[in-house]
């Protein structure tokens, strides 16, 4: 039985090697682009406001994800930087990045800065009614933690 397994395993490795060799030598398809299909790159001034907004949303989301990774790995100061970048980048994601930023400020005992972020989000109108309720509850908790 053991000899049979060795033979099957050897044949499998050989076949896998042949398959890898075959696909590594395959040529990728070539796509022809006609001259009239080539568009010149646009200058930044030609980028539409919508395109700028979409780009800011993506960049803010990337900063939030990076901040989350830093928090999970215990690199809180790096998380602060990432969340600050997200907070400054896009007003649409400011609610998420602001709460995350307030949370890491809280972990660092930077209570006044956390309260300031929460106050900004409330006054700027980026939070829903429920978000305002949560921000006020967190502010009360931060105030009591300061003492």
Protein backbone atom coordinates (compact mmCIF):
# COMPACT_ATOMS: atom_id res chain seq x y z
CA UNK A 1 0.00 0.00 0.00
CA UNK A 2 2.82 2.39 0.90
CA UNK A 3 4.61 1.67 -2.40
CA UNK A 4 1.39 2.40 -4.32
CA UNK A 5 1.06 5.79 -2.57
CA UNK A 6 4.66 6.72 -3.42
CA UNK A 7 4.09 5.87 -7.12
CA UNK A 8 0.85 7.90 -7.27
CA UNK A 9 2.48 10.86 -5.50
CA UNK A 10 5.46 10.77 -7.87
CA UNK A 11 3.22 10.68 -10.95
CA UNK A 12 1.16 13.58 -9.55
CA UNK A 13 4.28 15.70 -8.99
CA UNK A 14 5.52 14.97 -12.51
CA UNK A 15 2.17 15.88 -14.06
CA UNK A 16 1.97 19.06 -12.00
CA UNK A 17 5.47 20.04 -13.12
CA UNK A 18 4.58 19.45 -16.77
CA UNK A 19 1.40 21.50 -16.41
CA UNK A 20 3.27 24.40 -14.76
CA UNK A 21 5.92 24.30 -17.48
CA UNK A 22 3.22 24.40 -20.14
CA UNK A 23 1.31 27.36 -18.73
CA UNK A 24 4.45 29.33 -17.94
CA UNK A 25 5.44 29.23 -21.62
CA UNK A 26 2.03 30.23 -22.92
CA UNK A 27 1.90 33.63 -24.48
CA UNK A 28 -0.59 36.10 -23.14
CA UNK A 29 -3.17 37.37 -25.59
CA UNK A 30 -2.25 40.52 -27.46
CA UNK A 31 -4.84 43.24 -27.78
CA UNK A 32 -4.52 45.73 -30.58
CA UNK A 33 -5.45 49.33 -29.84
CA UNK A 34 -6.14 51.55 -32.77
CA UNK A 35 -4.75 55.07 -32.81
CA UNK A 36 -8.23 56.59 -32.65
CA UNK A 37 -8.90 54.67 -29.41
CA UNK A 38 -5.94 56.13 -27.52
CA UNK A 39 -6.92 59.01 -25.29
CA UNK A 40 -4.36 61.47 -23.97
CA UNK A 41 -3.96 61.64 -20.20
CA UNK A 42 -5.93 64.42 -18.61
CA UNK A 43 -4.39 67.13 -16.52
CA UNK A 44 -5.58 67.45 -12.91
CA UNK A 45 -7.57 70.53 -13.90
CA UNK A 46 -9.65 68.39 -16.25
CA UNK A 47 -10.68 65.90 -13.56
CA UNK A 48 -14.30 66.40 -12.70
CA UNK A 49 -15.46 67.23 -9.18
CA UNK A 50 -17.25 63.88 -9.07
CA UNK A 51 -14.02 62.05 -9.90
CA UNK A 52 -12.20 63.97 -7.15
CA UNK A 53 -14.93 63.08 -4.66
CA UNK A 54 -14.86 59.39 -5.58
CA UNK A 55 -11.07 59.38 -5.29
CA UNK A 56 -11.27 61.00 -1.84
CA UNK A 57 -13.80 58.39 -0.70
CA UNK A 58 -11.50 55.56 -1.78
CA UNK A 59 -8.45 57.15 -0.18
CA UNK A 60 -10.31 57.74 3.10
CA UNK A 61 -11.51 54.14 3.09
CA UNK A 62 -7.97 52.92 2.54
CA UNK A 63 -6.71 55.03 5.47
CA UNK A 64 -9.47 53.63 7.70
CA UNK A 65 -8.55 50.05 6.76
CA UNK A 66 -4.87 50.78 7.40
CA UNK A 67 -5.78 52.32 10.77
CA UNK A 68 -7.79 49.23 11.66
CA UNK A 69 -4.77 47.05 10.89
CA UNK A 70 -2.55 49.20 13.07
CA UNK A 71 -5.02 48.98 15.96
CA UNK A 72 -5.14 45.19 15.63
CA UNK A 73 -1.35 45.01 15.72
CA UNK A 74 -1.13 47.37 18.70
CA UNK A 75 0.51 50.24 16.79
CA UNK A 76 -1.80 52.92 18.15
CA UNK A 77 0.25 55.97 17.15
CA UNK A 78 0.32 54.74 13.53
CA UNK A 79 -3.44 54.16 13.74
CA UNK A 80 -3.92 57.75 14.91
CA UNK A 81 -2.03 59.00 11.86
CA UNK A 82 -4.07 56.82 9.47
CA UNK A 83 -7.41 57.85 10.99
CA UNK A 84 -6.38 61.52 10.95
CA UNK A 85 -5.63 61.20 7.23
CA UNK A 86 -9.03 59.63 6.61
CA UNK A 87 -10.76 62.30 8.70
CA UNK A 88 -9.15 65.09 6.67
CA UNK A 89 -9.65 63.37 3.31
CA UNK A 90 -13.40 62.91 2.94
CA UNK A 91 -16.40 64.46 4.67
CA UNK A 92 -18.58 61.47 3.72
CA UNK A 93 -16.49 59.07 5.78
CA UNK A 94 -15.77 61.57 8.55
CA UNK A 95 -18.32 59.95 10.86
CA UNK A 96 -16.52 56.60 10.72
CA UNK A 97 -12.99 57.96 10.83
CA UNK A 98 -13.94 60.47 13.55
CA UNK A 99 -15.32 57.81 15.89
CA UNK A 100 -12.29 55.61 15.25
CA UNK A 101 -9.97 58.56 15.87
CA UNK A 102 -11.79 59.43 19.10
CA UNK A 103 -11.44 55.78 20.14
CA UNK A 104 -7.66 55.70 19.66
CA UNK A 105 -7.33 59.08 21.37
CA UNK A 106 -9.23 57.56 24.29
CA UNK A 107 -6.80 54.62 24.41
CA UNK A 108 -3.97 57.14 24.67
CA UNK A 109 -5.79 59.14 27.38
CA UNK A 110 -6.03 62.11 24.99
CA UNK A 111 -9.56 62.85 26.16
CA UNK A 112 -9.73 66.53 25.18
CA UNK A 113 -8.72 65.74 21.59
CA UNK A 114 -11.32 62.97 21.41
CA UNK A 115 -14.01 65.33 22.69
CA UNK A 116 -12.93 67.98 20.18
CA UNK A 117 -13.32 65.51 17.27
CA UNK A 118 -16.77 64.49 18.49
CA UNK A 119 -17.82 68.16 18.84
CA UNK A 120 -16.58 68.88 15.29
CA UNK A 121 -18.57 66.00 13.87
CA UNK A 122 -21.73 67.15 15.65
CA UNK A 123 -21.36 70.79 14.60
CA UNK A 124 -20.39 69.92 10.99
CA UNK A 125 -23.56 67.86 10.57
CA UNK A 126 -21.78 64.69 9.43
CA UNK A 127 -23.61 62.50 11.96
CA UNK A 128 -27.10 61.08 11.87
CA UNK A 129 -29.41 61.54 14.85
CA UNK A 130 -28.23 58.20 16.20
CA UNK A 131 -24.61 59.21 15.55
CA UNK A 132 -25.12 62.40 17.54
CA UNK A 133 -26.63 60.36 20.38
CA UNK A 134 -23.60 58.01 20.35
CA UNK A 135 -21.16 60.94 20.16
CA UNK A 136 -22.78 62.61 23.16
CA UNK A 137 -22.71 59.36 25.14
CA UNK A 138 -19.03 58.90 24.31
CA UNK A 139 -18.31 62.51 25.28
CA UNK A 140 -19.93 61.92 28.70
CA UNK A 141 -17.78 58.81 29.15
CA UNK A 142 -14.64 60.73 28.14
CA UNK A 143 -15.46 63.57 30.52
CA UNK A 144 -15.85 61.13 33.41
CA UNK A 145 -12.59 59.38 32.42
CA UNK A 146 -10.68 62.67 32.61
CA UNK A 147 -11.38 63.00 36.33
